[in-house]
């Protein structure tokens, strides 16, 4: 197997920033549209609609930024641990704006920052596995120092995310990495940093994404 190819640091940083901007541009744009309606309309019904749009979009933008802070950002100091309860909270906030719903089973525990970041990035991969909506079941097993993650994705036309087999292992030959593709690539970087193997496979009509801690060398 060929060795993973890593993006230059500047390219990776730029693509991750683009990914975050792509995620929040829609709710922020909706807030702006709502404000324009308030400026131009005297109809009370239209104003009520605009206020509702602004409230909903502001909540969504806030949820996406809180998620991005943990999934992509430098939350906490180097080597810091993050409460899995906080990870669940931001994941549920993110999923409020998606077609699929989520269930979450994890012990109350602190876990190393990069492992939590990997788990949240796997949630994004799971969302892309059920593009028409459905259900994502997240399960965290094992000790916080050597966890296993599984995400069971069920829904119409569930599929392994595009180019998963190349982007997650970092095999970038003949693969164009843009602001969308950088997320599974970044998940692969996190997995290797955490000494974990990430696999996605079809199980009947569903998709199972797993991340398992590699056994320590003898």
N, C-alpha and C. Protein backbone atom coordinates (compact mmCIF):
# COMPACT_ATOMS: atom_id res chain seq x y z
N UNK A 1 0.85 -1.20 0.00
CA UNK A 1 0.00 0.00 0.00
C UNK A 1 0.88 1.24 0.00
N UNK A 2 0.55 2.22 -0.83
CA UNK A 2 1.33 3.44 -0.91
C UNK A 2 1.14 4.27 0.34
N UNK A 3 2.15 5.11 0.63
CA UNK A 3 2.09 5.95 1.82
C UNK A 3 1.09 7.10 1.61
N UNK A 4 0.43 7.56 2.69
CA UNK A 4 -0.48 8.71 2.57
C UNK A 4 0.26 9.94 2.06
N UNK A 5 -0.41 10.75 1.27
CA UNK A 5 0.14 12.00 0.77
C UNK A 5 -0.53 13.13 1.55
N UNK A 6 0.25 14.00 2.15
CA UNK A 6 -0.33 15.06 2.97
C UNK A 6 -0.31 16.39 2.22
N UNK A 7 -1.41 17.14 2.36
CA UNK A 7 -1.47 18.48 1.80
C UNK A 7 -0.48 19.39 2.52
N UNK A 8 -0.01 20.41 1.82
CA UNK A 8 0.80 21.43 2.48
C UNK A 8 -0.03 22.10 3.57
N UNK A 9 0.64 22.52 4.64
CA UNK A 9 -0.06 23.10 5.79
C UNK A 9 -0.93 24.29 5.39
N UNK A 10 -0.41 25.16 4.52
CA UNK A 10 -1.19 26.33 4.11
C UNK A 10 -2.43 25.92 3.32
N UNK A 11 -2.28 24.92 2.46
CA UNK A 11 -3.44 24.44 1.68
C UNK A 11 -4.49 23.82 2.60
N UNK A 12 -4.04 23.02 3.57
CA UNK A 12 -4.98 22.39 4.51
C UNK A 12 -5.73 23.45 5.31
N UNK A 13 -5.01 24.45 5.83
CA UNK A 13 -5.65 25.51 6.60
C UNK A 13 -6.67 26.26 5.75
N UNK A 14 -6.30 26.58 4.51
CA UNK A 14 -7.21 27.32 3.63
C UNK A 14 -8.46 26.52 3.32
N UNK A 15 -8.30 25.23 3.06
CA UNK A 15 -9.45 24.39 2.71
C UNK A 15 -10.38 24.19 3.91
N UNK A 16 -9.81 24.03 5.09
CA UNK A 16 -10.66 23.89 6.29
C UNK A 16 -11.44 25.18 6.55
N UNK A 17 -10.78 26.33 6.35
CA UNK A 17 -11.49 27.60 6.50
C UNK A 17 -12.62 27.70 5.48
N UNK A 18 -12.36 27.27 4.26
CA UNK A 18 -13.39 27.29 3.22
C UNK A 18 -14.55 26.38 3.59
N UNK A 19 -14.24 25.23 4.18
CA UNK A 19 -15.28 24.30 4.59
C UNK A 19 -16.19 24.93 5.64
N UNK A 20 -15.60 25.58 6.64
CA UNK A 20 -16.40 26.22 7.69
C UNK A 20 -17.25 27.34 7.09
N UNK A 21 -16.66 28.15 6.21
CA UNK A 21 -17.42 29.24 5.58
C UNK A 21 -18.59 28.69 4.76
N UNK A 22 -18.34 27.58 4.06
CA UNK A 22 -19.40 26.95 3.26
C UNK A 22 -20.56 26.52 4.14
N UNK A 23 -20.25 26.03 5.35
CA UNK A 23 -21.29 25.53 6.24
C UNK A 23 -22.14 26.64 6.84
N UNK A 24 -21.55 27.81 7.07
CA UNK A 24 -22.31 28.86 7.76
C UNK A 24 -22.86 29.93 6.82
N UNK A 25 -22.46 29.91 5.54
CA UNK A 25 -22.90 30.97 4.63
C UNK A 25 -24.41 30.95 4.44
N UNK A 26 -25.02 29.75 4.43
CA UNK A 26 -26.46 29.67 4.19
C UNK A 26 -27.26 30.30 5.33
N UNK A 27 -27.04 29.92 6.61
CA UNK A 27 -27.83 30.57 7.67
C UNK A 27 -27.53 32.05 7.83
N UNK A 28 -26.28 32.45 7.61
CA UNK A 28 -25.95 33.88 7.70
C UNK A 28 -26.64 34.65 6.57
N UNK A 29 -26.66 34.06 5.37
CA UNK A 29 -27.37 34.69 4.26
C UNK A 29 -28.85 34.82 4.54
N UNK A 30 -29.43 33.81 5.20
CA UNK A 30 -30.86 33.85 5.53
C UNK A 30 -31.14 34.95 6.55
N UNK A 31 -30.22 35.16 7.50
CA UNK A 31 -30.39 36.26 8.46
C UNK A 31 -30.41 37.59 7.72
N UNK A 32 -29.49 37.75 6.77
CA UNK A 32 -29.44 38.99 5.98
C UNK A 32 -30.74 39.20 5.19
N UNK A 33 -31.26 38.12 4.61
CA UNK A 33 -32.52 38.22 3.86
C UNK A 33 -33.67 38.64 4.78
N UNK A 34 -33.69 38.08 5.99
CA UNK A 34 -34.73 38.45 6.94
C UNK A 34 -34.66 39.92 7.33
N UNK A 35 -33.44 40.43 7.51
CA UNK A 35 -33.27 41.85 7.85
C UNK A 35 -33.72 42.74 6.70
N UNK A 36 -33.45 42.33 5.47
CA UNK A 36 -33.90 43.11 4.32
C UNK A 36 -35.43 43.17 4.25
N UNK A 37 -36.07 42.06 4.58
CA UNK A 37 -37.54 42.05 4.60
C UNK A 37 -38.06 43.03 5.65
N UNK A 38 -37.44 43.05 6.83
CA UNK A 38 -37.86 43.98 7.89
C UNK A 38 -37.70 45.43 7.46
N UNK A 39 -36.63 45.72 6.69
CA UNK A 39 -36.39 47.08 6.23
C UNK A 39 -37.40 47.54 5.18
N UNK A 40 -37.88 46.57 4.38
CA UNK A 40 -38.67 46.94 3.20
C UNK A 40 -40.17 46.71 3.36
N UNK A 41 -40.57 45.86 4.30
CA UNK A 41 -41.98 45.45 4.40
C UNK A 41 -42.68 46.15 5.56
N UNK A 42 -43.94 46.52 5.34
CA UNK A 42 -44.79 47.05 6.40
C UNK A 42 -45.86 46.04 6.82
N UNK A 43 -45.99 44.99 6.02
CA UNK A 43 -46.98 43.95 6.31
C UNK A 43 -46.58 43.18 7.57
N UNK A 44 -47.48 43.14 8.55
CA UNK A 44 -47.15 42.51 9.83
C UNK A 44 -46.90 41.01 9.69
N UNK A 45 -47.62 40.38 8.77
CA UNK A 45 -47.42 38.94 8.56
C UNK A 45 -46.04 38.67 7.99
N UNK A 46 -45.60 39.51 7.05
CA UNK A 46 -44.26 39.34 6.48
C UNK A 46 -43.18 39.63 7.51
N UNK A 47 -43.42 40.61 8.38
CA UNK A 47 -42.46 40.90 9.44
C UNK A 47 -42.33 39.74 10.41
N UNK A 48 -43.47 39.11 10.76
CA UNK A 48 -43.43 37.95 11.65
C UNK A 48 -42.65 36.82 11.01
N UNK A 49 -42.87 36.63 9.70
CA UNK A 49 -42.11 35.61 8.98
C UNK A 49 -40.61 35.91 9.01
N UNK A 50 -40.26 37.19 8.82
CA UNK A 50 -38.85 37.58 8.81
C UNK A 50 -38.20 37.34 10.17
N UNK A 51 -38.92 37.71 11.25
CA UNK A 51 -38.38 37.49 12.60
C UNK A 51 -38.17 36.00 12.85
N UNK A 52 -39.10 35.17 12.42
CA UNK A 52 -38.98 33.72 12.60
C UNK A 52 -37.78 33.18 11.83
N UNK A 53 -37.59 33.68 10.59
CA UNK A 53 -36.44 33.27 9.78
C UNK A 53 -35.13 33.67 10.44
N UNK A 54 -35.08 34.88 10.97
CA UNK A 54 -33.85 35.36 11.61
C UNK A 54 -33.53 34.53 12.85
N UNK A 55 -34.54 34.27 13.68
CA UNK A 55 -34.30 33.46 14.89
C UNK A 55 -33.80 32.06 14.55
N UNK A 56 -34.48 31.41 13.61
CA UNK A 56 -34.12 30.05 13.23
C UNK A 56 -32.71 30.01 12.63
N UNK A 57 -32.40 30.96 11.76
CA UNK A 57 -31.10 30.98 11.09
C UNK A 57 -29.98 31.33 12.06
N UNK A 58 -30.26 32.21 13.02
CA UNK A 58 -29.24 32.56 14.02
C UNK A 58 -28.91 31.35 14.88
N UNK A 59 -29.94 30.58 15.28
CA UNK A 59 -29.68 29.36 16.06
C UNK A 59 -28.84 28.38 15.25
N UNK A 60 -29.18 28.25 13.96
CA UNK A 60 -28.46 27.30 13.11
C UNK A 60 -27.01 27.73 12.91
N UNK A 61 -26.78 29.02 12.68
CA UNK A 61 -25.42 29.52 12.51
C UNK A 61 -24.60 29.30 13.78
N UNK A 62 -25.21 29.57 14.94
CA UNK A 62 -24.52 29.37 16.21
C UNK A 62 -24.17 27.90 16.42
N UNK A 63 -25.11 27.00 16.10
CA UNK A 63 -24.87 25.56 16.27
C UNK A 63 -23.73 25.10 15.37
N UNK A 64 -23.71 25.59 14.14
CA UNK A 64 -22.66 25.18 13.20
C UNK A 64 -21.29 25.70 13.65
N UNK A 65 -21.25 26.91 14.18
CA UNK A 65 -19.97 27.45 14.65
C UNK A 65 -19.48 26.71 15.89
N UNK A 66 -20.40 26.37 16.80
CA UNK A 66 -19.99 25.60 17.99
C UNK A 66 -19.47 24.23 17.59
N UNK A 67 -20.13 23.60 16.61
CA UNK A 67 -19.66 22.31 16.12
C UNK A 67 -18.28 22.45 15.49
N UNK A 68 -18.10 23.46 14.62
CA UNK A 68 -16.83 23.65 13.93
C UNK A 68 -15.69 23.92 14.91
N UNK A 69 -16.01 24.61 16.00
CA UNK A 69 -14.98 24.90 17.00
C UNK A 69 -14.38 23.62 17.55
N UNK A 70 -15.22 22.61 17.80
CA UNK A 70 -14.70 21.34 18.31
C UNK A 70 -14.18 20.44 17.21
N UNK A 71 -14.87 20.39 16.06
CA UNK A 71 -14.51 19.45 15.00
C UNK A 71 -13.28 19.88 14.22
N UNK A 72 -13.08 21.19 14.06
CA UNK A 72 -11.97 21.68 13.23
C UNK A 72 -11.02 22.61 13.98
N UNK A 73 -11.50 23.24 15.05
CA UNK A 73 -10.72 24.28 15.70
C UNK A 73 -9.78 23.76 16.77
N UNK A 74 -9.15 24.72 17.44
CA UNK A 74 -8.16 24.41 18.47
C UNK A 74 -8.77 24.58 19.85
N UNK A 75 -9.94 23.97 20.07
CA UNK A 75 -10.60 24.07 21.37
C UNK A 75 -9.71 23.48 22.45
N UNK A 76 -9.43 24.26 23.48
CA UNK A 76 -8.56 23.78 24.55
C UNK A 76 -7.10 23.84 24.14
N UNK A 77 -6.22 23.57 25.07
CA UNK A 77 -4.78 23.59 24.80
C UNK A 77 -4.34 22.27 24.19
N UNK A 78 -3.10 22.24 23.72
CA UNK A 78 -2.56 21.01 23.15
C UNK A 78 -2.61 19.90 24.20
N UNK A 79 -3.12 18.73 23.80
CA UNK A 79 -3.22 17.61 24.73
C UNK A 79 -4.42 17.67 25.64
N UNK A 80 -5.29 18.66 25.43
CA UNK A 80 -6.46 18.82 26.30
C UNK A 80 -7.46 17.69 26.08
N UNK A 81 -8.32 17.50 27.07
CA UNK A 81 -9.40 16.53 26.98
C UNK A 81 -10.73 17.26 26.88
N UNK A 82 -11.70 16.65 26.20
CA UNK A 82 -13.01 17.25 25.99
C UNK A 82 -14.07 16.30 26.51
N UNK A 83 -15.07 16.84 27.15
CA UNK A 83 -16.18 16.04 27.68
C UNK A 83 -17.01 15.50 26.52
N UNK A 84 -17.26 14.20 26.53
CA UNK A 84 -18.10 13.61 25.49
C UNK A 84 -19.52 14.18 25.50
N UNK A 85 -19.95 14.66 26.67
CA UNK A 85 -21.26 15.31 26.74
C UNK A 85 -21.29 16.58 25.90
N UNK A 86 -20.19 17.32 25.87
CA UNK A 86 -20.10 18.51 25.03
C UNK A 86 -20.11 18.12 23.55
N UNK A 87 -19.43 17.03 23.23
CA UNK A 87 -19.43 16.55 21.85
C UNK A 87 -20.84 16.17 21.40
N UNK A 88 -21.57 15.49 22.28
CA UNK A 88 -22.95 15.13 21.95
C UNK A 88 -23.81 16.38 21.74
N UNK A 89 -23.63 17.37 22.59
CA UNK A 89 -24.43 18.60 22.50
C UNK A 89 -24.23 19.29 21.16
N UNK A 90 -22.97 19.45 20.74
CA UNK A 90 -22.73 20.16 19.47
C UNK A 90 -23.16 19.30 18.28
N UNK A 91 -23.03 17.97 18.41
CA UNK A 91 -23.47 17.09 17.32
C UNK A 91 -24.98 17.18 17.14
N UNK A 92 -25.72 17.19 18.25
CA UNK A 92 -27.18 17.31 18.15
C UNK A 92 -27.57 18.68 17.59
N UNK A 93 -26.84 19.72 17.97
CA UNK A 93 -27.11 21.04 17.43
C UNK A 93 -26.91 21.09 15.93
N UNK A 94 -25.83 20.46 15.48
CA UNK A 94 -25.57 20.39 14.03
C UNK A 94 -26.68 19.63 13.31
N UNK A 95 -27.09 18.50 13.88
CA UNK A 95 -28.07 17.65 13.22
C UNK A 95 -29.45 18.28 13.15
N UNK A 96 -29.72 19.30 13.97
CA UNK A 96 -31.01 19.99 13.90
C UNK A 96 -31.25 20.61 12.53
N UNK A 97 -30.17 20.91 11.82
CA UNK A 97 -30.32 21.50 10.50
C UNK A 97 -30.15 20.52 9.36
N UNK A 98 -30.07 19.23 9.66
CA UNK A 98 -29.86 18.21 8.64
C UNK A 98 -31.13 17.39 8.42
N UNK A 99 -31.14 16.63 7.33
CA UNK A 99 -32.31 15.80 7.01
C UNK A 99 -32.40 14.57 7.91
N UNK A 100 -31.26 14.07 8.36
CA UNK A 100 -31.24 12.87 9.21
C UNK A 100 -31.36 13.26 10.68
N UNK A 101 -31.78 12.31 11.52
CA UNK A 101 -31.73 12.53 12.96
C UNK A 101 -30.63 11.64 13.55
N UNK A 102 -30.38 11.81 14.84
CA UNK A 102 -29.23 11.15 15.46
C UNK A 102 -29.59 10.60 16.82
N UNK A 103 -29.03 9.44 17.15
CA UNK A 103 -29.06 8.93 18.53
C UNK A 103 -27.61 8.76 18.96
N UNK A 104 -27.37 8.85 20.26
CA UNK A 104 -25.99 8.93 20.75
C UNK A 104 -25.86 8.07 22.00
N UNK A 105 -24.92 7.15 21.98
CA UNK A 105 -24.66 6.29 23.14
C UNK A 105 -23.17 6.35 23.45
N UNK A 106 -22.83 7.01 24.55
CA UNK A 106 -21.43 7.13 24.95
C UNK A 106 -21.38 7.27 26.46
N UNK A 107 -20.35 6.73 27.10
CA UNK A 107 -20.23 6.86 28.55
C UNK A 107 -19.86 8.29 28.92
N UNK A 108 -20.24 8.74 30.12
CA UNK A 108 -19.78 10.06 30.58
C UNK A 108 -18.27 10.00 30.82
N UNK A 109 -17.52 10.74 30.04
CA UNK A 109 -16.06 10.64 30.13
C UNK A 109 -15.41 11.83 29.46
N UNK A 110 -14.17 12.09 29.88
CA UNK A 110 -13.31 13.03 29.18
C UNK A 110 -12.47 12.22 28.20
N UNK A 111 -12.27 12.77 27.01
CA UNK A 111 -11.50 12.07 25.99
C UNK A 111 -10.53 13.04 25.32
N UNK A 112 -9.38 12.53 24.90
CA UNK A 112 -8.38 13.37 24.24
C UNK A 112 -9.00 14.14 23.08
N UNK A 113 -8.57 15.40 22.95
CA UNK A 113 -9.18 16.32 21.98
C UNK A 113 -9.23 15.75 20.57
N UNK A 114 -8.13 15.17 20.10
CA UNK A 114 -8.11 14.68 18.72
C UNK A 114 -9.09 13.52 18.50
N UNK A 115 -9.30 12.70 19.52
CA UNK A 115 -10.27 11.61 19.37
C UNK A 115 -11.69 12.17 19.27
N UNK A 116 -11.98 13.19 20.05
CA UNK A 116 -13.30 13.82 19.97
C UNK A 116 -13.47 14.50 18.61
N UNK A 117 -12.44 15.16 18.13
CA UNK A 117 -12.50 15.79 16.81
C UNK A 117 -12.75 14.73 15.74
N UNK A 118 -12.09 13.58 15.85
CA UNK A 118 -12.32 12.50 14.90
C UNK A 118 -13.77 12.04 14.95
N UNK A 119 -14.30 11.85 16.16
CA UNK A 119 -15.69 11.40 16.29
C UNK A 119 -16.65 12.37 15.61
N UNK A 120 -16.45 13.67 15.80
CA UNK A 120 -17.33 14.65 15.19
C UNK A 120 -17.17 14.69 13.67
N UNK A 121 -15.96 14.49 13.20
CA UNK A 121 -15.77 14.43 11.75
C UNK A 121 -16.42 13.19 11.16
N UNK A 122 -16.47 12.11 11.93
CA UNK A 122 -17.17 10.92 11.47
C UNK A 122 -18.68 11.17 11.40
N UNK A 123 -19.19 12.01 12.29
CA UNK A 123 -20.61 12.38 12.20
C UNK A 123 -20.88 13.07 10.86
N UNK A 124 -19.98 13.93 10.42
CA UNK A 124 -20.14 14.59 9.12
C UNK A 124 -20.10 13.57 7.98
N UNK A 125 -19.21 12.60 8.08
CA UNK A 125 -19.17 11.54 7.07
C UNK A 125 -20.47 10.75 7.08
N UNK A 126 -21.01 10.51 8.28
CA UNK A 126 -22.27 9.77 8.38
C UNK A 126 -23.41 10.54 7.72
N UNK A 127 -23.43 11.87 7.89
CA UNK A 127 -24.46 12.69 7.25
C UNK A 127 -24.39 12.55 5.73
N UNK A 128 -23.17 12.54 5.19
CA UNK A 128 -23.03 12.41 3.74
C UNK A 128 -23.38 11.00 3.25
N UNK A 129 -23.41 10.03 4.18
CA UNK A 129 -23.78 8.66 3.80
C UNK A 129 -25.28 8.49 3.63
N UNK A 130 -26.07 9.43 4.17
CA UNK A 130 -27.54 9.36 4.04
C UNK A 130 -28.04 10.70 3.47
N UNK A 131 -27.73 10.96 2.19
CA UNK A 131 -28.04 12.27 1.60
C UNK A 131 -29.51 12.62 1.55
N UNK A 132 -30.38 11.61 1.61
CA UNK A 132 -31.83 11.87 1.57
C UNK A 132 -32.46 11.78 2.97
N UNK A 133 -31.62 11.78 4.00
CA UNK A 133 -32.12 11.72 5.36
C UNK A 133 -32.22 10.29 5.86
N UNK A 134 -32.54 10.17 7.14
CA UNK A 134 -32.62 8.86 7.76
C UNK A 134 -32.22 8.97 9.22
N UNK A 135 -31.46 7.98 9.69
CA UNK A 135 -31.07 7.95 11.10
C UNK A 135 -29.61 7.56 11.21
N UNK A 136 -28.90 8.24 12.12
CA UNK A 136 -27.50 7.95 12.41
C UNK A 136 -27.39 7.57 13.88
N UNK A 137 -26.91 6.36 14.15
CA UNK A 137 -26.74 5.89 15.52
C UNK A 137 -25.24 5.89 15.85
N UNK A 138 -24.87 6.73 16.80
CA UNK A 138 -23.47 6.87 17.21
C UNK A 138 -23.26 6.08 18.50
N UNK A 139 -22.24 5.22 18.50
CA UNK A 139 -21.91 4.42 19.70
C UNK A 139 -20.42 4.56 19.98
N UNK A 140 -20.09 4.88 21.23
CA UNK A 140 -18.70 4.95 21.69
C UNK A 140 -18.49 3.85 22.71
N UNK A 141 -17.53 2.98 22.44
CA UNK A 141 -17.21 1.86 23.35
C UNK A 141 -15.75 1.95 23.77
N UNK A 142 -15.43 1.20 24.82
CA UNK A 142 -14.04 1.08 25.24
C UNK A 142 -13.60 2.19 26.17
N UNK A 143 -12.36 2.08 26.63
CA UNK A 143 -11.79 3.08 27.53
C UNK A 143 -11.55 4.38 26.77
N UNK A 144 -11.65 5.53 27.44
CA UNK A 144 -11.39 6.80 26.77
C UNK A 144 -10.01 6.88 26.13
N UNK A 145 -9.04 6.13 26.68
CA UNK A 145 -7.68 6.16 26.13
C UNK A 145 -7.53 5.24 24.91
N UNK A 146 -8.48 4.35 24.68
CA UNK A 146 -8.42 3.44 23.53
C UNK A 146 -9.84 3.12 23.07
N UNK A 147 -10.56 4.12 22.57
CA UNK A 147 -11.98 3.92 22.26
C UNK A 147 -12.21 3.29 20.89
N UNK A 148 -13.40 2.80 20.69
CA UNK A 148 -13.89 2.38 19.38
C UNK A 148 -15.17 3.16 19.10
N UNK A 149 -15.30 3.65 17.87
CA UNK A 149 -16.49 4.39 17.46
C UNK A 149 -17.22 3.61 16.38
N UNK A 150 -18.53 3.61 16.42
CA UNK A 150 -19.32 3.05 15.32
C UNK A 150 -20.48 3.98 15.03
N UNK A 151 -20.74 4.19 13.74
CA UNK A 151 -21.84 5.04 13.31
C UNK A 151 -22.66 4.26 12.28
N UNK A 152 -23.86 3.88 12.69
CA UNK A 152 -24.75 3.11 11.83
C UNK A 152 -25.69 4.07 11.12
N UNK A 153 -25.61 4.10 9.79
CA UNK A 153 -26.34 5.08 8.98
C UNK A 153 -27.41 4.37 8.16
N UNK A 154 -28.67 4.69 8.43
CA UNK A 154 -29.76 4.07 7.70
C UNK A 154 -30.64 5.14 7.09
N UNK A 155 -31.08 4.88 5.85
CA UNK A 155 -31.94 5.83 5.16
C UNK A 155 -32.04 5.48 3.69
N UNK A 156 -32.93 6.13 2.95
CA UNK A 156 -33.08 5.85 1.52
C UNK A 156 -31.78 6.13 0.77
N UNK A 157 -31.37 5.17 -0.05
CA UNK A 157 -30.16 5.33 -0.87
C UNK A 157 -28.91 5.61 -0.03
N UNK A 158 -28.80 4.98 1.14
CA UNK A 158 -27.59 5.12 1.94
C UNK A 158 -26.40 4.60 1.14
N UNK A 159 -25.27 5.29 1.25
CA UNK A 159 -24.11 4.93 0.44
C UNK A 159 -22.83 5.32 1.16
N UNK A 160 -21.76 4.61 0.86
CA UNK A 160 -20.45 4.99 1.38
C UNK A 160 -20.08 6.35 0.77
N UNK A 161 -19.66 7.32 1.58
CA UNK A 161 -19.37 8.66 1.06
C UNK A 161 -18.39 8.63 -0.11
N UNK A 162 -18.58 9.54 -1.04
CA UNK A 162 -17.78 9.59 -2.27
C UNK A 162 -16.29 9.68 -1.95
N UNK A 163 -15.50 8.85 -2.67
CA UNK A 163 -14.03 8.84 -2.57
C UNK A 163 -13.53 8.55 -1.16
N UNK A 164 -14.39 7.95 -0.32
CA UNK A 164 -14.00 7.64 1.05
C UNK A 164 -12.72 6.81 1.08
N UNK A 165 -12.66 5.78 0.19
CA UNK A 165 -11.54 4.84 0.23
C UNK A 165 -10.21 5.48 -0.13
N UNK A 166 -10.24 6.68 -0.76
CA UNK A 166 -9.00 7.37 -1.08
C UNK A 166 -8.75 8.55 -0.13
N UNK A 167 -9.79 9.30 0.17
CA UNK A 167 -9.61 10.52 0.95
C UNK A 167 -9.25 10.23 2.41
N UNK A 168 -9.92 9.27 3.05
CA UNK A 168 -9.63 8.99 4.46
C UNK A 168 -8.22 8.41 4.64
N UNK A 169 -7.78 7.46 3.82
CA UNK A 169 -6.40 6.99 3.96
C UNK A 169 -5.36 7.99 3.46
N UNK A 170 -5.80 9.07 2.81
CA UNK A 170 -4.86 10.07 2.32
C UNK A 170 -4.21 9.71 1.01
N UNK A 171 -4.85 8.84 0.22
CA UNK A 171 -4.32 8.48 -1.10
C UNK A 171 -4.86 9.49 -2.12
N UNK A 172 -4.11 10.56 -2.35
CA UNK A 172 -4.62 11.69 -3.11
C UNK A 172 -4.29 11.64 -4.60
N UNK A 173 -3.72 10.53 -5.06
CA UNK A 173 -3.45 10.39 -6.49
C UNK A 173 -4.77 10.38 -7.25
N UNK A 174 -4.89 11.25 -8.25
CA UNK A 174 -6.10 11.34 -9.10
C UNK A 174 -7.34 11.74 -8.31
N UNK A 175 -7.17 12.40 -7.18
CA UNK A 175 -8.30 12.89 -6.39
C UNK A 175 -8.14 14.39 -6.18
N UNK A 176 -9.17 15.16 -6.54
CA UNK A 176 -9.13 16.61 -6.33
C UNK A 176 -9.69 16.93 -4.95
N UNK A 177 -8.90 17.57 -4.12
CA UNK A 177 -9.32 17.93 -2.77
C UNK A 177 -9.78 19.38 -2.77
N UNK A 178 -11.09 19.58 -2.55
CA UNK A 178 -11.65 20.92 -2.46
C UNK A 178 -12.22 21.13 -1.06
N UNK A 179 -12.99 22.20 -0.87
CA UNK A 179 -13.51 22.53 0.46
C UNK A 179 -14.44 21.44 0.99
N UNK A 180 -15.06 20.67 0.11
CA UNK A 180 -15.93 19.56 0.55
C UNK A 180 -15.10 18.31 0.86
N UNK A 181 -14.18 17.99 -0.05
CA UNK A 181 -13.40 16.76 0.10
C UNK A 181 -12.38 16.85 1.23
N UNK A 182 -12.04 18.06 1.68
CA UNK A 182 -11.03 18.18 2.73
C UNK A 182 -11.51 17.57 4.04
N UNK A 183 -12.83 17.49 4.26
CA UNK A 183 -13.32 16.98 5.54
C UNK A 183 -12.99 15.49 5.73
N UNK A 184 -13.31 14.59 4.78
CA UNK A 184 -12.88 13.20 4.98
C UNK A 184 -11.37 13.04 4.99
N UNK A 185 -10.66 13.88 4.23
CA UNK A 185 -9.19 13.83 4.28
C UNK A 185 -8.71 14.19 5.68
N UNK A 186 -9.30 15.24 6.27
CA UNK A 186 -8.92 15.67 7.61
C UNK A 186 -9.27 14.60 8.65
N UNK A 187 -10.40 13.92 8.45
CA UNK A 187 -10.76 12.82 9.35
C UNK A 187 -9.68 11.75 9.33
N UNK A 188 -9.14 11.47 8.14
CA UNK A 188 -8.06 10.50 8.03
C UNK A 188 -6.81 10.94 8.77
N UNK A 189 -6.47 12.23 8.67
CA UNK A 189 -5.32 12.76 9.42
C UNK A 189 -5.51 12.56 10.92
N UNK A 190 -6.72 12.87 11.40
CA UNK A 190 -7.00 12.70 12.82
C UNK A 190 -6.91 11.23 13.23
N UNK A 191 -7.43 10.34 12.40
CA UNK A 191 -7.40 8.91 12.71
C UNK A 191 -5.97 8.42 12.85
N UNK A 192 -5.12 8.83 11.93
CA UNK A 192 -3.71 8.39 12.01
C UNK A 192 -3.03 8.97 13.24
N UNK A 193 -3.36 10.22 13.59
CA UNK A 193 -2.78 10.84 14.78
C UNK A 193 -3.24 10.13 16.05
N UNK A 194 -4.45 9.56 16.01
CA UNK A 194 -5.01 8.85 17.18
C UNK A 194 -4.71 7.35 17.16
N UNK A 195 -3.96 6.88 16.16
CA UNK A 195 -3.66 5.46 16.02
C UNK A 195 -4.94 4.64 15.88
N UNK A 196 -5.85 5.13 15.03
CA UNK A 196 -7.12 4.46 14.81
C UNK A 196 -7.32 4.21 13.32
N UNK A 197 -8.03 3.13 13.02
CA UNK A 197 -8.35 2.77 11.63
C UNK A 197 -9.82 3.04 11.37
N UNK A 198 -10.09 3.78 10.29
CA UNK A 198 -11.47 4.13 9.93
C UNK A 198 -11.88 3.34 8.69
N UNK A 199 -13.05 2.72 8.76
CA UNK A 199 -13.56 1.89 7.67
C UNK A 199 -15.04 2.22 7.46
N UNK A 200 -15.48 2.22 6.21
CA UNK A 200 -16.91 2.36 5.90
C UNK A 200 -17.30 1.23 4.97
N UNK A 201 -18.45 0.61 5.22
CA UNK A 201 -18.90 -0.50 4.40
C UNK A 201 -20.41 -0.56 4.38
N UNK A 202 -20.94 -1.09 3.28
CA UNK A 202 -22.37 -1.33 3.18
C UNK A 202 -22.73 -2.59 3.97
N UNK A 203 -23.78 -2.51 4.76
CA UNK A 203 -24.33 -3.67 5.45
C UNK A 203 -25.80 -3.77 5.05
N UNK A 204 -26.05 -4.54 4.01
CA UNK A 204 -27.40 -4.57 3.45
C UNK A 204 -27.68 -3.24 2.77
N UNK A 205 -28.70 -2.54 3.23
CA UNK A 205 -29.02 -1.23 2.66
C UNK A 205 -28.50 -0.09 3.52
N UNK A 206 -27.79 -0.40 4.59
CA UNK A 206 -27.25 0.62 5.49
C UNK A 206 -25.74 0.75 5.33
N UNK A 207 -25.20 1.80 5.92
CA UNK A 207 -23.75 2.03 5.91
C UNK A 207 -23.25 2.02 7.35
N UNK A 208 -22.17 1.31 7.59
CA UNK A 208 -21.54 1.28 8.91
C UNK A 208 -20.15 1.90 8.80
N UNK A 209 -19.93 2.96 9.58
CA UNK A 209 -18.62 3.61 9.65
C UNK A 209 -18.04 3.30 11.01
N UNK A 210 -16.83 2.77 11.03
CA UNK A 210 -16.19 2.41 12.30
C UNK A 210 -14.81 3.03 12.38
N UNK A 211 -14.40 3.32 13.61
CA UNK A 211 -13.04 3.74 13.89
C UNK A 211 -12.57 2.94 15.10
N UNK A 212 -11.57 2.13 14.90
CA UNK A 212 -11.10 1.25 15.97
C UNK A 212 -9.64 1.56 16.31
N UNK A 213 -9.35 1.56 17.60
CA UNK A 213 -7.99 1.79 18.06
C UNK A 213 -7.13 0.58 17.72
N UNK A 214 -5.98 0.82 17.13
CA UNK A 214 -5.09 -0.27 16.79
C UNK A 214 -4.49 -0.88 18.06
N UNK A 215 -4.29 -2.18 18.03
CA UNK A 215 -3.67 -2.86 19.16
C UNK A 215 -2.23 -2.39 19.31
N UNK A 216 -1.80 -2.23 20.55
CA UNK A 216 -0.43 -1.79 20.81
C UNK A 216 0.55 -2.87 20.34
N UNK A 217 1.67 -2.44 19.78
CA UNK A 217 2.69 -3.37 19.32
C UNK A 217 3.28 -4.11 20.51
N UNK A 218 3.59 -5.36 20.29
CA UNK A 218 4.16 -6.17 21.36
C UNK A 218 5.54 -5.64 21.72
